[in-house]
All heavy atoms as atom14 arrays in JSON, in Angstrom:
{
  "sequence": "NFVLETYTNERMGVSFSIPYTWLLNPNTNQETTIQFVEPKSEMMEPDG",
  "atom14_mask": [
    [1, 1, 1, 1, 1, 1, 1, 1, 0, 0, 0, 0, 0, 0],
    [1, 1, 1, 1, 1, 1, 1, 1, 1, 1, 1, 0, 0, 0],
    [1, 1, 1, 1, 1, 1, 1, 0, 0, 0, 0, 0, 0, 0],
    [1, 1, 1, 1, 1, 1, 1, 1, 0, 0, 0, 0, 0, 0],
    [1, 1, 1, 1, 1, 1, 1, 1, 1, 0, 0, 0, 0, 0],
    [1, 1, 1, 1, 1, 1, 1, 0, 0, 0, 0, 0, 0, 0],
    [1, 1, 1, 1, 1, 1, 1, 1, 1, 1, 1, 1, 0, 0],
    [1, 1, 1, 1, 1, 1, 1, 0, 0, 0, 0, 0, 0, 0],
    [1, 1, 1, 1, 1, 1, 1, 1, 0, 0, 0, 0, 0, 0],
    [1, 1, 1, 1, 1, 1, 1, 1, 1, 0, 0, 0, 0, 0],
    [1, 1, 1, 1, 1, 1, 1, 1, 1, 1, 1, 0, 0, 0],
    [1, 1, 1, 1, 1, 1, 1, 1, 0, 0, 0, 0, 0, 0],
    [1, 1, 1, 1, 0, 0, 0, 0, 0, 0, 0, 0, 0, 0],
    [1, 1, 1, 1, 1, 1, 1, 0, 0, 0, 0, 0, 0, 0],
    [1, 1, 1, 1, 1, 1, 0, 0, 0, 0, 0, 0, 0, 0],
    [1, 1, 1, 1, 1, 1, 1, 1, 1, 1, 1, 0, 0, 0],
    [1, 1, 1, 1, 1, 1, 0, 0, 0, 0, 0, 0, 0, 0],
    [1, 1, 1, 1, 1, 1, 1, 1, 0, 0, 0, 0, 0, 0],
    [1, 1, 1, 1, 1, 1, 1, 0, 0, 0, 0, 0, 0, 0],
    [1, 1, 1, 1, 1, 1, 1, 1, 1, 1, 1, 1, 0, 0],
    [1, 1, 1, 1, 1, 1, 1, 0, 0, 0, 0, 0, 0, 0],
    [1, 1, 1, 1, 1, 1, 1, 1, 1, 1, 1, 1, 1, 1],
    [1, 1, 1, 1, 1, 1, 1, 1, 0, 0, 0, 0, 0, 0],
    [1, 1, 1, 1, 1, 1, 1, 1, 0, 0, 0, 0, 0, 0],
    [1, 1, 1, 1, 1, 1, 1, 1, 0, 0, 0, 0, 0, 0],
    [1, 1, 1, 1, 1, 1, 1, 0, 0, 0, 0, 0, 0, 0],
    [1, 1, 1, 1, 1, 1, 1, 1, 0, 0, 0, 0, 0, 0],
    [1, 1, 1, 1, 1, 1, 1, 0, 0, 0, 0, 0, 0, 0],
    [1, 1, 1, 1, 1, 1, 1, 1, 0, 0, 0, 0, 0, 0],
    [1, 1, 1, 1, 1, 1, 1, 1, 1, 0, 0, 0, 0, 0],
    [1, 1, 1, 1, 1, 1, 1, 1, 1, 0, 0, 0, 0, 0],
    [1, 1, 1, 1, 1, 1, 1, 0, 0, 0, 0, 0, 0, 0],
    [1, 1, 1, 1, 1, 1, 1, 0, 0, 0, 0, 0, 0, 0],
    [1, 1, 1, 1, 1, 1, 1, 1, 0, 0, 0, 0, 0, 0],
    [1, 1, 1, 1, 1, 1, 1, 1, 1, 0, 0, 0, 0, 0],
    [1, 1, 1, 1, 1, 1, 1, 1, 1, 1, 1, 0, 0, 0],
    [1, 1, 1, 1, 1, 1, 1, 0, 0, 0, 0, 0, 0, 0],
    [1, 1, 1, 1, 1, 1, 1, 1, 1, 0, 0, 0, 0, 0],
    [1, 1, 1, 1, 1, 1, 1, 0, 0, 0, 0, 0, 0, 0],
    [1, 1, 1, 1, 1, 1, 1, 1, 1, 0, 0, 0, 0, 0],
    [1, 1, 1, 1, 1, 1, 0, 0, 0, 0, 0, 0, 0, 0],
    [1, 1, 1, 1, 1, 1, 1, 1, 1, 0, 0, 0, 0, 0],
    [1, 1, 1, 1, 1, 1, 1, 1, 0, 0, 0, 0, 0, 0],
    [1, 1, 1, 1, 1, 1, 1, 1, 0, 0, 0, 0, 0, 0],
    [1, 1, 1, 1, 1, 1, 1, 1, 1, 0, 0, 0, 0, 0],
    [1, 1, 1, 1, 1, 1, 1, 0, 0, 0, 0, 0, 0, 0],
    [1, 1, 1, 1, 1, 1, 1, 1, 0, 0, 0, 0, 0, 0],
    [1, 1, 1, 1, 0, 0, 0, 0, 0, 0, 0, 0, 0, 0]
  ],
  "atom14_positions": [
    [[0.85, -1.17, 0.0], [-0.01, 0.02, 0.01], [0.89, 1.24, 0.01], [0.82, 2.07, 0.91], [-0.93, -0.03, 1.21], [-1.99, 1.09, 1.13], [-2.34, 1.57, 0.08], [-2.44, 1.55, 2.3], [0.0, 0.0, 0.0], [0.0, 0.0, 0.0], [0.0, 0.0, 0.0], [0.0, 0.0, 0.0], [0.0, 0.0, 0.0], [0.0, 0.0, 0.0]],
    [[1.76, 1.31, -1.04], [2.7, 2.42, -1.09], [1.99, 3.69, -1.56], [1.19, 3.65, -2.51], [3.83, 2.1, -2.03], [4.66, 0.93, -1.6], [4.66, -0.26, -2.32], [5.49, 0.98, -0.48], [5.43, -1.34, -1.93], [6.23, -0.08, -0.07], [6.23, -1.26, -0.81], [0.0, 0.0, 0.0], [0.0, 0.0, 0.0], [0.0, 0.0, 0.0]],
    [[2.33, 4.83, -0.96], [1.87, 6.12, -1.46], [3.0, 6.62, -2.37], [4.16, 6.73, -1.96], [1.63, 7.1, -0.32], [1.24, 8.49, -0.84], [0.55, 6.56, 0.61], [0.0, 0.0, 0.0], [0.0, 0.0, 0.0], [0.0, 0.0, 0.0], [0.0, 0.0, 0.0], [0.0, 0.0, 0.0], [0.0, 0.0, 0.0], [0.0, 0.0, 0.0]],
    [[2.67, 6.94, -3.6], [3.66, 7.25, -4.58], [3.81, 8.74, -4.88], [2.85, 9.51, -4.68], [3.31, 6.53, -5.89], [3.14, 5.02, -5.83], [2.6, 4.48, -7.14], [4.42, 4.31, -5.44], [0.0, 0.0, 0.0], [0.0, 0.0, 0.0], [0.0, 0.0, 0.0], [0.0, 0.0, 0.0], [0.0, 0.0, 0.0], [0.0, 0.0, 0.0]],
    [[4.99, 9.1, -5.35], [5.2, 10.44, -5.86], [6.05, 10.34, -7.13], [6.79, 9.33, -7.33], [5.91, 11.33, -4.84], [7.35, 10.97, -4.58], [8.03, 11.94, -3.64], [7.38, 12.9, -3.21], [9.24, 11.71, -3.34], [0.0, 0.0, 0.0], [0.0, 0.0, 0.0], [0.0, 0.0, 0.0], [0.0, 0.0, 0.0], [0.0, 0.0, 0.0]],
    [[5.95, 11.32, -8.02], [6.72, 11.3, -9.24], [8.09, 11.96, -9.01], [8.18, 13.08, -8.52], [5.99, 12.05, -10.35], [4.73, 11.41, -10.6], [6.82, 12.04, -11.64], [0.0, 0.0, 0.0], [0.0, 0.0, 0.0], [0.0, 0.0, 0.0], [0.0, 0.0, 0.0], [0.0, 0.0, 0.0], [0.0, 0.0, 0.0], [0.0, 0.0, 0.0]],
    [[9.13, 11.2, -9.32], [10.49, 11.73, -9.21], [10.99, 12.04, -10.61], [10.88, 11.24, -11.55], [11.41, 10.7, -8.55], [12.87, 11.09, -8.56], [13.39, 11.99, -7.64], [13.7, 10.56, -9.55], [14.72, 12.36, -7.71], [15.06, 10.93, -9.59], [15.54, 11.83, -8.71], [16.88, 12.19, -8.74], [0.0, 0.0, 0.0], [0.0, 0.0, 0.0]],
    [[11.59, 13.21, -10.77], [12.12, 13.64, -12.07], [13.58, 14.02, -11.92], [13.96, 14.75, -10.99], [11.35, 14.86, -12.64], [9.98, 14.49, -12.77], [11.91, 15.29, -13.97], [0.0, 0.0, 0.0], [0.0, 0.0, 0.0], [0.0, 0.0, 0.0], [0.0, 0.0, 0.0], [0.0, 0.0, 0.0], [0.0, 0.0, 0.0], [0.0, 0.0, 0.0]],
    [[14.4, 13.51, -12.84], [15.82, 13.87, -12.85], [16.15, 14.39, -14.22], [16.27, 13.6, -15.2], [16.68, 12.62, -12.52], [18.13, 12.98, -12.37], [18.72, 13.7, -13.19], [18.77, 12.48, -11.32], [0.0, 0.0, 0.0], [0.0, 0.0, 0.0], [0.0, 0.0, 0.0], [0.0, 0.0, 0.0], [0.0, 0.0, 0.0], [0.0, 0.0, 0.0]],
    [[16.27, 15.7, -14.35], [16.5, 16.35, -15.64], [17.86, 15.97, -16.19], [18.04, 15.83, -17.42], [16.4, 17.87, -15.51], [15.01, 18.34, -15.08], [14.01, 18.32, -16.23], [14.45, 18.03, -17.39], [12.81, 18.55, -16.0], [0.0, 0.0, 0.0], [0.0, 0.0, 0.0], [0.0, 0.0, 0.0], [0.0, 0.0, 0.0], [0.0, 0.0, 0.0]],
    [[18.88, 15.82, -15.32], [20.22, 15.52, -15.78], [20.32, 14.14, -16.43], [21.02, 13.97, -17.4], [21.2, 15.63, -14.6], [21.44, 17.09, -14.16], [22.32, 17.16, -12.93], [21.64, 16.64, -11.74], [22.18, 16.57, -10.53], [23.46, 16.96, -10.36], [21.49, 16.15, -9.51], [0.0, 0.0, 0.0], [0.0, 0.0, 0.0], [0.0, 0.0, 0.0]],
    [[19.55, 13.19, -15.87], [19.53, 11.84, -16.48], [18.45, 11.75, -17.54], [18.47, 10.83, -18.34], [19.29, 10.78, -15.4], [20.54, 10.47, -14.56], [20.26, 9.16, -13.34], [19.9, 7.76, -14.43], [0.0, 0.0, 0.0], [0.0, 0.0, 0.0], [0.0, 0.0, 0.0], [0.0, 0.0, 0.0], [0.0, 0.0, 0.0], [0.0, 0.0, 0.0]],
    [[17.51, 12.71, -17.53], [16.47, 12.69, -18.54], [15.41, 11.63, -18.35], [14.94, 11.0, -19.31], [0.0, 0.0, 0.0], [0.0, 0.0, 0.0], [0.0, 0.0, 0.0], [0.0, 0.0, 0.0], [0.0, 0.0, 0.0], [0.0, 0.0, 0.0], [0.0, 0.0, 0.0], [0.0, 0.0, 0.0], [0.0, 0.0, 0.0], [0.0, 0.0, 0.0]],
    [[15.05, 11.41, -17.06], [14.07, 10.37, -16.76], [13.1, 10.85, -15.66], [13.4, 11.77, -14.9], [14.72, 9.06, -16.29], [15.63, 8.49, -17.34], [15.45, 9.28, -14.94], [0.0, 0.0, 0.0], [0.0, 0.0, 0.0], [0.0, 0.0, 0.0], [0.0, 0.0, 0.0], [0.0, 0.0, 0.0], [0.0, 0.0, 0.0], [0.0, 0.0, 0.0]],
    [[11.91, 10.21, -15.59], [11.01, 10.4, -14.5], [10.26, 9.09, -14.24], [10.08, 8.28, -15.18], [10.01, 11.55, -14.79], [9.07, 11.15, -15.75], [0.0, 0.0, 0.0], [0.0, 0.0, 0.0], [0.0, 0.0, 0.0], [0.0, 0.0, 0.0], [0.0, 0.0, 0.0], [0.0, 0.0, 0.0], [0.0, 0.0, 0.0], [0.0, 0.0, 0.0]],
    [[9.84, 8.88, -13.03], [9.1, 7.64, -12.64], [8.47, 7.87, -11.29], [8.79, 8.82, -10.54], [10.06, 6.46, -12.64], [11.31, 6.65, -11.8], [11.31, 6.41, -10.44], [12.48, 7.11, -12.4], [12.48, 6.62, -9.69], [13.61, 7.33, -11.67], [13.63, 7.09, -10.3], [0.0, 0.0, 0.0], [0.0, 0.0, 0.0], [0.0, 0.0, 0.0]],
    [[7.6, 6.96, -10.9], [6.94, 7.01, -9.59], [7.7, 6.11, -8.6], [8.19, 5.05, -8.99], [5.49, 6.56, -9.69], [4.74, 7.46, -10.5], [0.0, 0.0, 0.0], [0.0, 0.0, 0.0], [0.0, 0.0, 0.0], [0.0, 0.0, 0.0], [0.0, 0.0, 0.0], [0.0, 0.0, 0.0], [0.0, 0.0, 0.0], [0.0, 0.0, 0.0]],
    [[7.75, 6.58, -7.36], [8.47, 5.87, -6.29], [7.73, 6.11, -5.0], [7.13, 7.17, -4.82], [9.94, 6.38, -6.23], [10.83, 5.46, -5.36], [10.0, 7.81, -5.75], [11.25, 4.21, -6.04], [0.0, 0.0, 0.0], [0.0, 0.0, 0.0], [0.0, 0.0, 0.0], [0.0, 0.0, 0.0], [0.0, 0.0, 0.0], [0.0, 0.0, 0.0]],
    [[7.75, 5.16, -4.04], [7.15, 5.47, -2.72], [7.75, 6.75, -2.12], [8.97, 6.9, -2.08], [7.52, 4.23, -1.9], [7.61, 3.14, -2.85], [8.23, 3.76, -4.11], [0.0, 0.0, 0.0], [0.0, 0.0, 0.0], [0.0, 0.0, 0.0], [0.0, 0.0, 0.0], [0.0, 0.0, 0.0], [0.0, 0.0, 0.0], [0.0, 0.0, 0.0]],
    [[6.89, 7.64, -1.7], [7.39, 8.98, -1.36], [8.21, 8.98, -0.07], [8.98, 9.94, 0.17], [6.21, 9.99, -1.22], [5.57, 10.03, 0.13], [5.89, 11.04, 1.04], [4.61, 9.07, 0.52], [5.28, 11.09, 2.29], [4.0, 9.11, 1.72], [4.33, 10.13, 2.62], [3.74, 10.17, 3.84], [0.0, 0.0, 0.0], [0.0, 0.0, 0.0]],
    [[8.11, 7.94, 0.75], [8.88, 7.9, 1.99], [10.3, 7.31, 1.78], [11.12, 7.39, 2.66], [8.16, 7.04, 3.04], [7.95, 5.72, 2.51], [6.86, 7.69, 3.46], [0.0, 0.0, 0.0], [0.0, 0.0, 0.0], [0.0, 0.0, 0.0], [0.0, 0.0, 0.0], [0.0, 0.0, 0.0], [0.0, 0.0, 0.0], [0.0, 0.0, 0.0]],
    [[10.54, 6.74, 0.59], [11.85, 6.15, 0.37], [12.9, 7.24, 0.22], [12.61, 8.34, -0.3], [11.82, 5.26, -0.86], [11.14, 3.95, -0.62], [10.08, 3.73, 0.19], [11.49, 2.68, -1.18], [9.73, 2.38, 0.19], [10.55, 1.72, -0.65], [12.44, 2.24, -2.08], [10.63, 0.37, -0.97], [12.5, 0.9, -2.4], [11.59, -0.03, -1.86]],
    [[14.12, 6.94, 0.65], [15.15, 7.93, 0.77], [16.12, 7.9, -0.44], [16.6, 6.83, -0.82], [15.97, 7.69, 2.08], [15.12, 7.56, 3.34], [15.97, 7.13, 4.54], [14.39, 8.83, 3.64], [0.0, 0.0, 0.0], [0.0, 0.0, 0.0], [0.0, 0.0, 0.0], [0.0, 0.0, 0.0], [0.0, 0.0, 0.0], [0.0, 0.0, 0.0]],
    [[16.39, 9.03, -0.97], [17.34, 9.16, -2.07], [18.74, 9.14, -1.55], [19.11, 9.91, -0.66], [17.08, 10.47, -2.85], [18.0, 10.73, -4.05], [17.83, 9.66, -5.1], [17.73, 12.12, -4.63], [0.0, 0.0, 0.0], [0.0, 0.0, 0.0], [0.0, 0.0, 0.0], [0.0, 0.0, 0.0], [0.0, 0.0, 0.0], [0.0, 0.0, 0.0]],
    [[19.52, 8.21, -2.03], [20.93, 8.08, -1.61], [21.73, 9.25, -2.19], [21.85, 9.38, -3.39], [21.49, 6.75, -2.07], [22.91, 6.5, -1.57], [23.55, 7.36, -0.96], [23.39, 5.33, -1.86], [0.0, 0.0, 0.0], [0.0, 0.0, 0.0], [0.0, 0.0, 0.0], [0.0, 0.0, 0.0], [0.0, 0.0, 0.0], [0.0, 0.0, 0.0]],
    [[22.3, 10.11, -1.28], [23.02, 11.25, -1.81], [24.46, 10.91, -2.25], [25.1, 11.72, -2.89], [23.08, 12.21, -0.57], [23.05, 11.29, 0.57], [22.24, 10.09, 0.17], [0.0, 0.0, 0.0], [0.0, 0.0, 0.0], [0.0, 0.0, 0.0], [0.0, 0.0, 0.0], [0.0, 0.0, 0.0], [0.0, 0.0, 0.0], [0.0, 0.0, 0.0]],
    [[24.92, 9.71, -1.92], [26.28, 9.34, -2.25], [26.42, 8.7, -3.63], [27.14, 7.71, -3.81], [26.83, 8.37, -1.18], [26.81, 8.96, 0.21], [27.17, 10.14, 0.37], [26.4, 8.21, 1.18], [0.0, 0.0, 0.0], [0.0, 0.0, 0.0], [0.0, 0.0, 0.0], [0.0, 0.0, 0.0], [0.0, 0.0, 0.0], [0.0, 0.0, 0.0]],
    [[25.73, 9.26, -4.59], [25.84, 8.78, -5.97], [25.9, 10.0, -6.89], [25.53, 11.1, -6.55], [24.57, 7.96, -6.37], [23.43, 8.77, -6.24], [24.45, 6.7, -5.51], [0.0, 0.0, 0.0], [0.0, 0.0, 0.0], [0.0, 0.0, 0.0], [0.0, 0.0, 0.0], [0.0, 0.0, 0.0], [0.0, 0.0, 0.0], [0.0, 0.0, 0.0]],
    [[26.48, 9.74, -8.06], [26.52, 10.77, -9.08], [25.14, 10.87, -9.72], [24.76, 10.02, -10.51], [27.58, 10.42, -10.14], [27.74, 11.48, -11.21], [26.92, 12.41, -11.33], [28.73, 11.36, -12.03], [0.0, 0.0, 0.0], [0.0, 0.0, 0.0], [0.0, 0.0, 0.0], [0.0, 0.0, 0.0], [0.0, 0.0, 0.0], [0.0, 0.0, 0.0]],
    [[24.4, 11.91, -9.41], [23.03, 12.05, -9.83], [22.87, 12.19, -11.36], [21.76, 12.16, -11.87], [22.37, 13.26, -9.17], [22.39, 13.17, -7.62], [21.52, 11.99, -7.12], [20.36, 11.93, -7.43], [22.11, 11.16, -6.29], [0.0, 0.0, 0.0], [0.0, 0.0, 0.0], [0.0, 0.0, 0.0], [0.0, 0.0, 0.0], [0.0, 0.0, 0.0]],
    [[23.96, 12.38, -12.07], [23.88, 12.44, -13.52], [23.91, 11.06, -14.17], [23.54, 10.91, -15.32], [25.07, 13.28, -14.07], [24.99, 14.74, -13.67], [26.12, 15.55, -14.3], [26.9, 14.94, -15.09], [26.18, 16.77, -14.06], [0.0, 0.0, 0.0], [0.0, 0.0, 0.0], [0.0, 0.0, 0.0], [0.0, 0.0, 0.0], [0.0, 0.0, 0.0]],
    [[24.32, 10.06, -13.41], [24.39, 8.71, -13.95], [23.7, 7.66, -13.09], [23.32, 6.63, -13.62], [25.88, 8.29, -14.12], [26.52, 8.34, -12.81], [26.62, 9.22, -15.05], [0.0, 0.0, 0.0], [0.0, 0.0, 0.0], [0.0, 0.0, 0.0], [0.0, 0.0, 0.0], [0.0, 0.0, 0.0], [0.0, 0.0, 0.0], [0.0, 0.0, 0.0]],
    [[23.52, 7.92, -11.8], [22.97, 6.92, -10.88], [21.99, 7.49, -9.89], [22.26, 8.55, -9.27], [24.1, 6.2, -10.11], [25.06, 5.69, -11.04], [23.56, 5.06, -9.27], [0.0, 0.0, 0.0], [0.0, 0.0, 0.0], [0.0, 0.0, 0.0], [0.0, 0.0, 0.0], [0.0, 0.0, 0.0], [0.0, 0.0, 0.0], [0.0, 0.0, 0.0]],
    [[20.83, 6.86, -9.76], [19.84, 7.23, -8.76], [19.58, 5.95, -7.92], [19.38, 4.88, -8.48], [18.53, 7.67, -9.37], [18.78, 8.77, -10.43], [17.55, 8.17, -8.33], [17.56, 8.99, -11.33], [0.0, 0.0, 0.0], [0.0, 0.0, 0.0], [0.0, 0.0, 0.0], [0.0, 0.0, 0.0], [0.0, 0.0, 0.0], [0.0, 0.0, 0.0]],
    [[19.58, 6.12, -6.61], [19.25, 4.98, -5.76], [18.3, 5.4, -4.64], [18.59, 6.38, -3.94], [20.51, 4.36, -5.15], [20.2, 3.1, -4.34], [21.46, 2.46, -3.78], [22.0, 2.91, -2.78], [21.94, 1.39, -4.41], [0.0, 0.0, 0.0], [0.0, 0.0, 0.0], [0.0, 0.0, 0.0], [0.0, 0.0, 0.0], [0.0, 0.0, 0.0]],
    [[17.2, 4.71, -4.5], [16.21, 4.91, -3.46], [16.27, 3.73, -2.48], [16.3, 2.57, -2.92], [14.83, 5.08, -4.01], [14.57, 6.43, -4.64], [14.78, 6.63, -6.0], [14.12, 7.51, -3.86], [14.56, 7.87, -6.58], [13.89, 8.73, -4.44], [14.08, 8.94, -5.8], [0.0, 0.0, 0.0], [0.0, 0.0, 0.0], [0.0, 0.0, 0.0]],
    [[16.27, 4.05, -1.18], [16.37, 3.04, -0.15], [15.15, 3.14, 0.77], [14.73, 4.22, 1.17], [17.65, 3.19, 0.67], [17.78, 2.09, 1.73], [18.86, 3.2, -0.25], [0.0, 0.0, 0.0], [0.0, 0.0, 0.0], [0.0, 0.0, 0.0], [0.0, 0.0, 0.0], [0.0, 0.0, 0.0], [0.0, 0.0, 0.0], [0.0, 0.0, 0.0]],
    [[14.58, 1.98, 1.07], [13.43, 1.97, 1.99], [13.87, 2.37, 3.41], [14.92, 1.88, 3.89], [12.81, 0.58, 2.03], [11.58, 0.46, 2.97], [11.12, -0.95, 3.14], [11.95, -1.89, 3.1], [9.9, -1.14, 3.32], [0.0, 0.0, 0.0], [0.0, 0.0, 0.0], [0.0, 0.0, 0.0], [0.0, 0.0, 0.0], [0.0, 0.0, 0.0]],
    [[13.15, 3.26, 4.06], [13.55, 3.61, 5.45], [13.44, 2.4, 6.39], [12.58, 1.58, 6.24], [12.56, 4.71, 5.84], [11.41, 4.56, 4.89], [11.97, 3.99, 3.63], [0.0, 0.0, 0.0], [0.0, 0.0, 0.0], [0.0, 0.0, 0.0], [0.0, 0.0, 0.0], [0.0, 0.0, 0.0], [0.0, 0.0, 0.0], [0.0, 0.0, 0.0]],
    [[14.33, 2.31, 7.36], [14.34, 1.19, 8.29], [13.04, 1.04, 9.04], [12.65, -0.06, 9.38], [15.51, 1.29, 9.25], [16.87, 1.13, 8.59], [18.0, 1.17, 9.61], [19.36, 0.91, 8.94], [20.47, 0.94, 9.9], [0.0, 0.0, 0.0], [0.0, 0.0, 0.0], [0.0, 0.0, 0.0], [0.0, 0.0, 0.0], [0.0, 0.0, 0.0]],
    [[12.35, 2.16, 9.29], [11.11, 2.1, 10.06], [10.0, 1.39, 9.27], [8.99, 0.98, 9.87], [10.67, 3.51, 10.39], [10.43, 4.28, 9.23], [0.0, 0.0, 0.0], [0.0, 0.0, 0.0], [0.0, 0.0, 0.0], [0.0, 0.0, 0.0], [0.0, 0.0, 0.0], [0.0, 0.0, 0.0], [0.0, 0.0, 0.0], [0.0, 0.0, 0.0]],
    [[10.15, 1.21, 7.99], [9.1, 0.58, 7.16], [9.49, -0.84, 6.7], [8.72, -1.47, 5.99], [8.8, 1.45, 5.93], [8.23, 2.81, 6.3], [7.94, 3.65, 5.06], [7.97, 3.08, 3.93], [7.69, 4.85, 5.19], [0.0, 0.0, 0.0], [0.0, 0.0, 0.0], [0.0, 0.0, 0.0], [0.0, 0.0, 0.0], [0.0, 0.0, 0.0]],
    [[10.63, -1.33, 7.09], [11.09, -2.61, 6.6], [10.18, -3.75, 7.1], [9.85, -3.8, 8.27], [12.54, -2.87, 7.06], [13.57, -1.94, 6.45], [15.22, -2.1, 7.19], [15.6, -3.81, 6.86], [0.0, 0.0, 0.0], [0.0, 0.0, 0.0], [0.0, 0.0, 0.0], [0.0, 0.0, 0.0], [0.0, 0.0, 0.0], [0.0, 0.0, 0.0]],
    [[9.8, -4.6, 6.15], [8.97, -5.74, 6.5], [9.76, -6.82, 7.25], [9.16, -7.62, 7.99], [8.35, -6.34, 5.23], [7.5, -5.36, 4.44], [6.13, -4.63, 5.45], [5.12, -6.1, 5.74], [0.0, 0.0, 0.0], [0.0, 0.0, 0.0], [0.0, 0.0, 0.0], [0.0, 0.0, 0.0], [0.0, 0.0, 0.0], [0.0, 0.0, 0.0]],
    [[11.06, -6.84, 7.05], [11.96, -7.73, 7.77], [12.97, -6.85, 8.49], [14.02, -6.56, 7.96], [12.6, -8.7, 6.81], [13.37, -9.82, 7.47], [13.92, -10.82, 6.46], [13.11, -11.48, 5.77], [15.14, -10.93, 6.35], [0.0, 0.0, 0.0], [0.0, 0.0, 0.0], [0.0, 0.0, 0.0], [0.0, 0.0, 0.0], [0.0, 0.0, 0.0]],
    [[12.65, -6.45, 9.72], [13.49, -5.42, 10.4], [14.97, -5.77, 10.5], [15.82, -4.88, 10.43], [12.85, -5.37, 11.81], [11.45, -5.79, 11.61], [11.48, -6.84, 10.54], [0.0, 0.0, 0.0], [0.0, 0.0, 0.0], [0.0, 0.0, 0.0], [0.0, 0.0, 0.0], [0.0, 0.0, 0.0], [0.0, 0.0, 0.0], [0.0, 0.0, 0.0]],
    [[15.29, -7.04, 10.62], [16.73, -7.42, 10.73], [17.24, -7.95, 9.4], [18.32, -8.56, 9.37], [16.91, -8.45, 11.82], [16.09, -9.72, 11.58], [15.17, -9.69, 10.74], [16.36, -10.74, 12.23], [0.0, 0.0, 0.0], [0.0, 0.0, 0.0], [0.0, 0.0, 0.0], [0.0, 0.0, 0.0], [0.0, 0.0, 0.0], [0.0, 0.0, 0.0]],
    [[16.5, -7.73, 8.3], [16.93, -8.22, 7.01], [17.66, -7.15, 6.21], [18.06, -6.13, 6.72], [0.0, 0.0, 0.0], [0.0, 0.0, 0.0], [0.0, 0.0, 0.0], [0.0, 0.0, 0.0], [0.0, 0.0, 0.0], [0.0, 0.0, 0.0], [0.0, 0.0, 0.0], [0.0, 0.0, 0.0], [0.0, 0.0, 0.0], [0.0, 0.0, 0.0]]
  ]
}
């Protein structure tokens, strides 16, 4: 039951929907790589 938002990256020239609570990893080159990580508070397997 994810609530979605549209993410747009002009530098990569793409857009898509992603759960709005997921965190964008800042340690990537946003011109070539985008990574979204689920917050630990929402993990279905807390120790996984």
